[in-house]
Amino acid sequence: MDYPLETISDEAFRPFGALLRFRGGTGFQPAGHVFDADPGTRPDAFVVRIGQPVSLPLRVEEMERHPFSAQTFIPLAGGGAAVVVCPAAADGAPDLTGLRAFRLPASTGITYSRGVWHHSVCALEPSDLVVLMARAPQGGDTEIARLPRAVTVGAK
């Protein structure tokens, strides 16, 4: 099945997490959602360079999720990204009937809520990103699920 890249908005993305961007006005704007994590986890931050961007259409064969922590990506340099998300089915596996694909502008960060199935970083041009999440001492911070069938996003 093919999924177009939708224009991302706060409302459309809310079931999966939150967008991180300046919303106008003056002063501080809350972004506490980036620190949502189980007690006992330790915060982690790292910078990643995506030197080889993805090409569209993108073939998606697996998804990942982080059960102990939200995961946030903050752009430092480069272009936008393709964001692929879906809810969990009753058995915990990715529910492809709810899969959505969005185009994320270069000036916008994103936070995946805990347990949200998502594809790995899909930068559309070389990019540098800050990643924030928490790590559980027992491990298991990242679960990977192979999809029962591959899907294509961003086809024209």
N, C-alpha and C. Protein backbone atom coordinates (compact mmCIF):
# COMPACT_ATOMS: atom_id res chain seq x y z
N MET A 1 0.85 -1.17 0.00
CA MET A 1 0.00 0.00 0.00
C MET A 1 0.90 1.24 0.00
N ASP A 2 0.44 2.28 -0.67
CA ASP A 2 1.19 3.53 -0.76
C ASP A 2 0.56 4.59 0.14
N TYR A 3 1.41 5.35 0.83
CA TYR A 3 0.96 6.43 1.71
C TYR A 3 1.62 7.72 1.25
N PRO A 4 0.84 8.76 0.96
CA PRO A 4 1.44 10.04 0.58
C PRO A 4 2.03 10.71 1.82
N LEU A 5 2.94 11.65 1.60
CA LEU A 5 3.45 12.46 2.71
C LEU A 5 2.46 13.59 2.95
N GLU A 6 1.82 13.57 4.10
CA GLU A 6 0.87 14.60 4.48
C GLU A 6 1.62 15.80 5.05
N THR A 7 0.99 16.96 5.00
CA THR A 7 1.52 18.12 5.70
C THR A 7 1.32 17.89 7.19
N ILE A 8 2.36 18.03 7.98
CA ILE A 8 2.26 17.77 9.41
C ILE A 8 1.63 18.97 10.11
N SER A 9 0.85 18.68 11.14
CA SER A 9 0.27 19.72 11.98
C SER A 9 0.20 19.18 13.40
N ASP A 10 0.05 20.09 14.36
CA ASP A 10 -0.06 19.66 15.75
C ASP A 10 -1.21 18.67 15.92
N GLU A 11 -2.34 19.00 15.35
CA GLU A 11 -3.54 18.17 15.50
C GLU A 11 -3.36 16.79 14.87
N ALA A 12 -2.83 16.75 13.65
CA ALA A 12 -2.66 15.47 12.95
C ALA A 12 -1.64 14.58 13.65
N PHE A 13 -0.62 15.18 14.27
CA PHE A 13 0.44 14.38 14.89
C PHE A 13 0.16 14.05 16.36
N ARG A 14 -0.80 14.72 16.98
CA ARG A 14 -1.06 14.57 18.42
C ARG A 14 -1.19 13.11 18.88
N PRO A 15 -1.84 12.20 18.14
CA PRO A 15 -1.94 10.81 18.62
C PRO A 15 -0.58 10.10 18.75
N PHE A 16 0.46 10.67 18.14
CA PHE A 16 1.77 10.02 18.11
C PHE A 16 2.84 10.74 18.91
N GLY A 17 2.58 12.00 19.27
CA GLY A 17 3.57 12.78 19.99
C GLY A 17 3.30 14.26 19.84
N ALA A 18 4.37 15.04 19.75
CA ALA A 18 4.23 16.49 19.68
C ALA A 18 5.30 17.09 18.78
N LEU A 19 4.97 18.22 18.19
CA LEU A 19 5.94 18.97 17.40
C LEU A 19 6.67 19.93 18.32
N LEU A 20 7.91 20.20 17.99
CA LEU A 20 8.75 21.07 18.80
C LEU A 20 9.20 22.23 17.91
N ARG A 21 8.59 23.40 18.16
CA ARG A 21 8.89 24.58 17.36
C ARG A 21 8.43 25.82 18.10
N PHE A 22 8.95 26.96 17.70
CA PHE A 22 8.53 28.22 18.28
C PHE A 22 7.18 28.59 17.69
N ARG A 23 6.23 28.88 18.54
CA ARG A 23 4.86 29.10 18.09
C ARG A 23 4.47 30.58 18.04
N GLY A 24 5.46 31.46 18.13
CA GLY A 24 5.18 32.89 18.05
C GLY A 24 5.04 33.52 19.43
N GLY A 25 4.93 34.82 19.45
CA GLY A 25 4.83 35.53 20.72
C GLY A 25 6.19 35.75 21.33
N THR A 26 6.22 35.91 22.64
CA THR A 26 7.47 36.12 23.36
C THR A 26 7.52 35.20 24.57
N GLY A 27 8.70 35.06 25.12
CA GLY A 27 8.86 34.28 26.34
C GLY A 27 9.05 32.80 26.09
N PHE A 28 9.08 32.07 27.20
CA PHE A 28 9.29 30.62 27.15
C PHE A 28 8.02 29.92 26.70
N GLN A 29 8.21 28.82 25.99
CA GLN A 29 7.10 27.99 25.59
C GLN A 29 7.39 26.57 26.08
N PRO A 30 6.47 25.98 26.83
CA PRO A 30 6.72 24.66 27.42
C PRO A 30 7.02 23.60 26.38
N ALA A 31 7.95 22.72 26.71
CA ALA A 31 8.28 21.57 25.86
C ALA A 31 8.64 20.39 26.77
N GLY A 32 7.96 20.29 27.90
CA GLY A 32 8.25 19.25 28.87
C GLY A 32 8.02 17.84 28.37
N HIS A 33 7.25 17.68 27.30
CA HIS A 33 7.00 16.35 26.75
C HIS A 33 8.28 15.64 26.34
N VAL A 34 9.36 16.37 26.10
CA VAL A 34 10.60 15.73 25.68
C VAL A 34 11.24 14.92 26.81
N PHE A 35 10.79 15.13 28.06
CA PHE A 35 11.38 14.43 29.20
C PHE A 35 10.48 13.32 29.74
N ASP A 36 9.48 12.90 29.00
CA ASP A 36 8.59 11.84 29.46
C ASP A 36 9.33 10.51 29.46
N ALA A 37 9.56 9.95 30.65
CA ALA A 37 10.30 8.68 30.76
C ALA A 37 9.91 7.98 32.06
N ASP A 38 10.08 6.68 32.09
CA ASP A 38 9.84 5.90 33.29
C ASP A 38 10.83 6.29 34.38
N PRO A 39 10.41 6.21 35.66
CA PRO A 39 11.36 6.42 36.75
C PRO A 39 12.48 5.38 36.66
N GLY A 40 13.66 5.76 37.04
CA GLY A 40 14.79 4.84 37.01
C GLY A 40 15.57 4.86 35.71
N THR A 41 15.05 5.55 34.71
CA THR A 41 15.81 5.67 33.46
C THR A 41 16.79 6.82 33.62
N ARG A 42 17.78 6.86 32.76
CA ARG A 42 18.73 7.98 32.79
C ARG A 42 18.64 8.73 31.47
N PRO A 43 18.67 10.06 31.52
CA PRO A 43 18.59 10.83 30.29
C PRO A 43 19.82 10.61 29.42
N ASP A 44 19.60 10.67 28.14
CA ASP A 44 20.69 10.51 27.17
C ASP A 44 20.46 11.52 26.05
N ALA A 45 21.53 12.06 25.53
CA ALA A 45 21.47 13.00 24.42
C ALA A 45 22.66 12.73 23.51
N PHE A 46 22.43 12.81 22.24
CA PHE A 46 23.53 12.64 21.29
C PHE A 46 23.21 13.40 20.02
N VAL A 47 24.25 13.66 19.24
CA VAL A 47 24.11 14.33 17.96
C VAL A 47 24.39 13.30 16.87
N VAL A 48 23.54 13.29 15.86
CA VAL A 48 23.71 12.34 14.76
C VAL A 48 23.76 13.12 13.45
N ARG A 49 24.65 12.69 12.58
CA ARG A 49 24.75 13.26 11.23
C ARG A 49 24.18 12.24 10.26
N ILE A 50 23.21 12.67 9.49
CA ILE A 50 22.64 11.84 8.43
C ILE A 50 23.29 12.33 7.14
N GLY A 51 24.32 11.65 6.69
CA GLY A 51 25.04 12.07 5.50
C GLY A 51 24.40 11.58 4.23
N GLN A 52 23.70 10.47 4.32
CA GLN A 52 23.04 9.89 3.15
C GLN A 52 21.53 9.94 3.39
N PRO A 53 20.85 10.93 2.82
CA PRO A 53 19.40 11.04 3.04
C PRO A 53 18.64 9.93 2.32
N VAL A 54 17.38 9.75 2.71
CA VAL A 54 16.53 8.77 2.05
C VAL A 54 16.04 9.35 0.72
N SER A 55 15.67 8.48 -0.16
CA SER A 55 15.05 8.86 -1.43
C SER A 55 13.59 8.46 -1.38
N LEU A 56 12.75 9.28 -1.96
CA LEU A 56 11.34 8.96 -2.03
C LEU A 56 11.03 8.36 -3.40
N PRO A 57 10.15 7.41 -3.50
CA PRO A 57 9.39 6.84 -2.41
C PRO A 57 10.27 5.97 -1.51
N LEU A 58 9.87 5.88 -0.25
CA LEU A 58 10.60 5.13 0.77
C LEU A 58 9.88 3.81 1.03
N ARG A 59 10.60 2.73 0.97
CA ARG A 59 10.05 1.41 1.29
C ARG A 59 10.25 1.16 2.78
N VAL A 60 9.18 0.94 3.51
CA VAL A 60 9.22 0.73 4.95
C VAL A 60 8.94 -0.74 5.24
N GLU A 61 9.92 -1.41 5.85
CA GLU A 61 9.80 -2.83 6.14
C GLU A 61 9.76 -3.14 7.62
N GLU A 62 10.16 -2.15 8.44
CA GLU A 62 10.13 -2.35 9.89
C GLU A 62 9.90 -1.02 10.58
N MET A 63 9.46 -1.12 11.82
CA MET A 63 9.20 0.05 12.66
C MET A 63 9.89 -0.19 14.00
N GLU A 64 10.07 0.87 14.75
CA GLU A 64 10.66 0.76 16.09
C GLU A 64 9.83 1.54 17.08
N ARG A 65 9.99 1.22 18.35
CA ARG A 65 9.36 2.01 19.41
C ARG A 65 10.24 1.94 20.65
N HIS A 66 9.98 2.88 21.56
CA HIS A 66 10.77 3.00 22.79
C HIS A 66 9.80 2.98 23.97
N PRO A 67 9.72 1.85 24.68
CA PRO A 67 8.72 1.69 25.73
C PRO A 67 8.97 2.50 27.00
N PHE A 68 10.21 2.90 27.25
CA PHE A 68 10.53 3.56 28.52
C PHE A 68 10.65 5.08 28.42
N SER A 69 10.62 5.61 27.20
CA SER A 69 10.94 7.03 27.05
C SER A 69 10.37 7.60 25.77
N ALA A 70 10.00 8.87 25.84
CA ALA A 70 9.75 9.61 24.62
C ALA A 70 11.09 9.74 23.88
N GLN A 71 11.03 10.00 22.60
CA GLN A 71 12.25 10.22 21.81
C GLN A 71 12.06 11.49 21.00
N THR A 72 13.03 12.41 21.12
CA THR A 72 12.92 13.71 20.48
C THR A 72 14.06 13.92 19.50
N PHE A 73 13.74 14.50 18.35
CA PHE A 73 14.73 14.87 17.34
C PHE A 73 14.63 16.37 17.13
N ILE A 74 15.76 17.07 17.30
CA ILE A 74 15.83 18.51 17.13
C ILE A 74 16.82 18.80 16.01
N PRO A 75 16.36 19.43 14.92
CA PRO A 75 17.28 19.71 13.81
C PRO A 75 18.28 20.80 14.15
N LEU A 76 19.53 20.59 13.79
CA LEU A 76 20.57 21.60 13.92
C LEU A 76 20.91 22.20 12.56
N ALA A 77 20.96 21.36 11.55
CA ALA A 77 21.30 21.79 10.20
C ALA A 77 20.70 20.81 9.22
N GLY A 78 20.44 21.28 8.03
CA GLY A 78 19.96 20.40 6.98
C GLY A 78 18.51 20.64 6.66
N GLY A 79 17.92 19.64 6.03
CA GLY A 79 16.56 19.77 5.54
C GLY A 79 15.55 19.07 6.38
N GLY A 80 14.39 18.92 5.83
CA GLY A 80 13.29 18.28 6.52
C GLY A 80 13.43 16.76 6.52
N ALA A 81 12.35 16.13 6.93
CA ALA A 81 12.36 14.68 7.06
C ALA A 81 11.00 14.11 6.70
N ALA A 82 10.99 12.83 6.40
CA ALA A 82 9.75 12.07 6.29
C ALA A 82 9.55 11.38 7.63
N VAL A 83 8.37 11.50 8.19
CA VAL A 83 8.04 10.92 9.48
C VAL A 83 6.96 9.87 9.25
N VAL A 84 7.24 8.63 9.65
CA VAL A 84 6.30 7.52 9.45
C VAL A 84 5.96 6.95 10.82
N VAL A 85 4.67 6.93 11.16
CA VAL A 85 4.21 6.51 12.48
C VAL A 85 2.96 5.64 12.36
N CYS A 86 2.72 4.84 13.39
CA CYS A 86 1.45 4.12 13.47
C CYS A 86 1.19 3.74 14.92
N PRO A 87 -0.08 3.53 15.27
CA PRO A 87 -0.40 3.09 16.62
C PRO A 87 -0.07 1.61 16.80
N ALA A 88 -0.23 1.14 18.02
CA ALA A 88 -0.06 -0.28 18.32
C ALA A 88 -1.42 -0.98 18.21
N ALA A 89 -1.41 -2.18 17.68
CA ALA A 89 -2.60 -3.02 17.63
C ALA A 89 -2.85 -3.60 19.03
N ALA A 90 -3.94 -4.30 19.21
CA ALA A 90 -4.28 -4.89 20.50
C ALA A 90 -3.19 -5.83 21.02
N ASP A 91 -2.48 -6.50 20.09
CA ASP A 91 -1.40 -7.41 20.51
C ASP A 91 -0.06 -6.71 20.68
N GLY A 92 -0.04 -5.37 20.50
CA GLY A 92 1.19 -4.60 20.68
C GLY A 92 1.99 -4.38 19.41
N ALA A 93 1.67 -5.11 18.35
CA ALA A 93 2.39 -4.97 17.08
C ALA A 93 1.97 -3.68 16.38
N PRO A 94 2.76 -3.21 15.40
CA PRO A 94 2.34 -2.03 14.64
C PRO A 94 1.01 -2.27 13.93
N ASP A 95 0.12 -1.30 14.03
CA ASP A 95 -1.20 -1.37 13.39
C ASP A 95 -1.14 -0.57 12.09
N LEU A 96 -0.93 -1.25 10.99
CA LEU A 96 -0.76 -0.58 9.70
C LEU A 96 -2.03 0.12 9.22
N THR A 97 -3.18 -0.24 9.79
CA THR A 97 -4.41 0.46 9.38
C THR A 97 -4.40 1.91 9.86
N GLY A 98 -3.57 2.22 10.84
CA GLY A 98 -3.47 3.59 11.35
C GLY A 98 -2.19 4.29 10.94
N LEU A 99 -1.44 3.72 9.99
CA LEU A 99 -0.16 4.30 9.58
C LEU A 99 -0.38 5.66 8.92
N ARG A 100 0.49 6.61 9.28
CA ARG A 100 0.48 7.95 8.68
C ARG A 100 1.91 8.31 8.33
N ALA A 101 2.07 9.08 7.28
CA ALA A 101 3.38 9.57 6.84
C ALA A 101 3.27 11.08 6.67
N PHE A 102 4.22 11.81 7.25
CA PHE A 102 4.19 13.27 7.23
C PHE A 102 5.50 13.83 6.69
N ARG A 103 5.44 15.02 6.13
CA ARG A 103 6.64 15.78 5.76
C ARG A 103 6.90 16.75 6.91
N LEU A 104 8.07 16.64 7.53
CA LEU A 104 8.47 17.50 8.65
C LEU A 104 9.37 18.60 8.12
N PRO A 105 9.00 19.88 8.32
CA PRO A 105 9.86 20.97 7.84
C PRO A 105 11.21 20.99 8.58
N ALA A 106 12.21 21.57 7.94
CA ALA A 106 13.56 21.63 8.50
C ALA A 106 13.61 22.38 9.83
N SER A 107 12.70 23.30 10.05
CA SER A 107 12.73 24.13 11.26
C SER A 107 11.93 23.55 12.42
N THR A 108 11.47 22.32 12.30
CA THR A 108 10.60 21.74 13.32
C THR A 108 11.20 20.47 13.89
N GLY A 109 11.21 20.38 15.22
CA GLY A 109 11.61 19.15 15.90
C GLY A 109 10.37 18.30 16.14
N ILE A 110 10.61 17.08 16.61
CA ILE A 110 9.50 16.17 16.82
C ILE A 110 9.78 15.30 18.03
N THR A 111 8.74 15.01 18.81
CA THR A 111 8.84 14.07 19.91
C THR A 111 7.86 12.94 19.67
N TYR A 112 8.38 11.71 19.62
CA TYR A 112 7.53 10.53 19.58
C TYR A 112 7.18 10.18 21.03
N SER A 113 5.90 10.00 21.32
CA SER A 113 5.50 9.58 22.66
C SER A 113 6.01 8.17 22.93
N ARG A 114 6.11 7.82 24.21
CA ARG A 114 6.52 6.47 24.59
C ARG A 114 5.64 5.43 23.91
N GLY A 115 6.27 4.40 23.37
CA GLY A 115 5.54 3.28 22.81
C GLY A 115 4.97 3.50 21.42
N VAL A 116 5.20 4.65 20.81
CA VAL A 116 4.67 4.90 19.46
C VAL A 116 5.58 4.24 18.43
N TRP A 117 4.99 3.46 17.56
CA TRP A 117 5.75 2.83 16.48
C TRP A 117 6.11 3.89 15.45
N HIS A 118 7.38 3.91 15.04
CA HIS A 118 7.84 4.87 14.05
C HIS A 118 8.99 4.26 13.26
N HIS A 119 9.19 4.79 12.07
CA HIS A 119 10.33 4.37 11.26
C HIS A 119 11.54 5.15 11.76
N SER A 120 12.72 4.64 11.51
CA SER A 120 13.93 5.36 11.92
C SER A 120 14.03 6.69 11.18
N VAL A 121 14.99 7.50 11.54
CA VAL A 121 15.15 8.85 10.99
C VAL A 121 15.20 8.79 9.46
N CYS A 122 14.38 9.60 8.83
CA CYS A 122 14.28 9.64 7.37
C CYS A 122 14.56 11.04 6.86
N ALA A 123 15.80 11.50 7.01
CA ALA A 123 16.18 12.83 6.55
C ALA A 123 16.08 12.89 5.03
N LEU A 124 15.54 14.01 4.51
CA LEU A 124 15.37 14.17 3.07
C LEU A 124 16.56 14.84 2.41
N GLU A 125 17.48 15.37 3.21
CA GLU A 125 18.76 15.87 2.72
C GLU A 125 19.75 15.75 3.88
N PRO A 126 21.05 15.83 3.63
CA PRO A 126 22.00 15.69 4.74
C PRO A 126 21.61 16.60 5.90
N SER A 127 21.66 16.04 7.11
CA SER A 127 21.15 16.75 8.28
C SER A 127 21.94 16.39 9.52
N ASP A 128 22.00 17.33 10.45
CA ASP A 128 22.52 17.10 11.80
C ASP A 128 21.36 17.25 12.77
N LEU A 129 21.22 16.29 13.68
CA LEU A 129 20.11 16.28 14.63
C LEU A 129 20.60 16.02 16.03
N VAL A 130 19.95 16.63 17.02
CA VAL A 130 20.13 16.27 18.42
C VAL A 130 19.02 15.29 18.76
N VAL A 131 19.38 14.19 19.42
CA VAL A 131 18.40 13.19 19.84
C VAL A 131 18.39 13.16 21.37
N LEU A 132 17.18 13.26 21.95
CA LEU A 132 17.00 13.18 23.39
C LEU A 132 16.08 12.01 23.70
N MET A 133 16.48 11.19 24.65
CA MET A 133 15.64 10.10 25.13
C MET A 133 16.20 9.63 26.46
N ALA A 134 15.59 8.65 27.05
CA ALA A 134 16.11 8.08 28.29
C ALA A 134 16.47 6.61 28.04
N ARG A 135 17.37 6.11 28.86
CA ARG A 135 17.80 4.72 28.75
C ARG A 135 17.44 4.00 30.04
N ALA A 136 16.90 2.79 29.90
CA ALA A 136 16.56 1.98 31.06
C ALA A 136 17.77 1.12 31.43
N PRO A 137 18.06 0.99 32.72
CA PRO A 137 19.23 0.19 33.12
C PRO A 137 19.13 -1.27 32.70
N GLN A 138 17.91 -1.79 32.57
CA GLN A 138 17.75 -3.19 32.17
C GLN A 138 17.79 -3.38 30.66
N GLY A 139 17.95 -2.28 29.90
CA GLY A 139 17.97 -2.38 28.44
C GLY A 139 16.56 -2.46 27.88
N GLY A 140 16.46 -2.88 26.66
CA GLY A 140 15.15 -2.99 26.03
C GLY A 140 14.55 -1.65 25.67
N ASP A 141 15.40 -0.62 25.53
CA ASP A 141 14.92 0.72 25.23
C ASP A 141 14.33 0.83 23.82
N THR A 142 14.76 -0.05 22.94
CA THR A 142 14.30 -0.01 21.55
C THR A 142 13.77 -1.38 21.16
N GLU A 143 12.53 -1.41 20.69
CA GLU A 143 11.93 -2.62 20.13
C GLU A 143 11.79 -2.43 18.63
N ILE A 144 12.12 -3.46 17.88
CA ILE A 144 12.02 -3.44 16.42
C ILE A 144 10.97 -4.46 16.00
N ALA A 145 10.09 -4.09 15.08
CA ALA A 145 9.09 -5.02 14.55
C ALA A 145 9.19 -5.04 13.03
N ARG A 146 9.36 -6.20 12.50
CA ARG A 146 9.33 -6.39 11.04
C ARG A 146 7.85 -6.37 10.63
N LEU A 147 7.52 -5.60 9.61
CA LEU A 147 6.14 -5.51 9.17
C LEU A 147 5.71 -6.76 8.40
N PRO A 148 4.45 -7.16 8.49
CA PRO A 148 4.00 -8.34 7.75
C PRO A 148 4.08 -8.13 6.24
N ARG A 149 4.01 -6.87 5.82
CA ARG A 149 4.20 -6.53 4.40
C ARG A 149 4.82 -5.14 4.34
N ALA A 150 5.69 -4.93 3.39
CA ALA A 150 6.31 -3.62 3.23
C ALA A 150 5.27 -2.61 2.73
N VAL A 151 5.45 -1.36 3.13
CA VAL A 151 4.61 -0.28 2.64
C VAL A 151 5.51 0.76 2.00
N THR A 152 4.95 1.59 1.15
CA THR A 152 5.68 2.63 0.47
C THR A 152 5.11 3.97 0.87
N VAL A 153 5.99 4.90 1.24
CA VAL A 153 5.54 6.26 1.57
C VAL A 153 6.22 7.26 0.66
N GLY A 154 5.49 8.34 0.40
CA GLY A 154 6.05 9.42 -0.39
C GLY A 154 6.07 9.19 -1.88
N ALA A 155 5.26 8.23 -2.36
CA ALA A 155 5.19 8.02 -3.81
C ALA A 155 4.46 9.20 -4.44
N LYS A 156 4.84 9.52 -5.65
CA LYS A 156 4.20 10.67 -6.33
C LYS A 156 2.94 10.26 -7.02
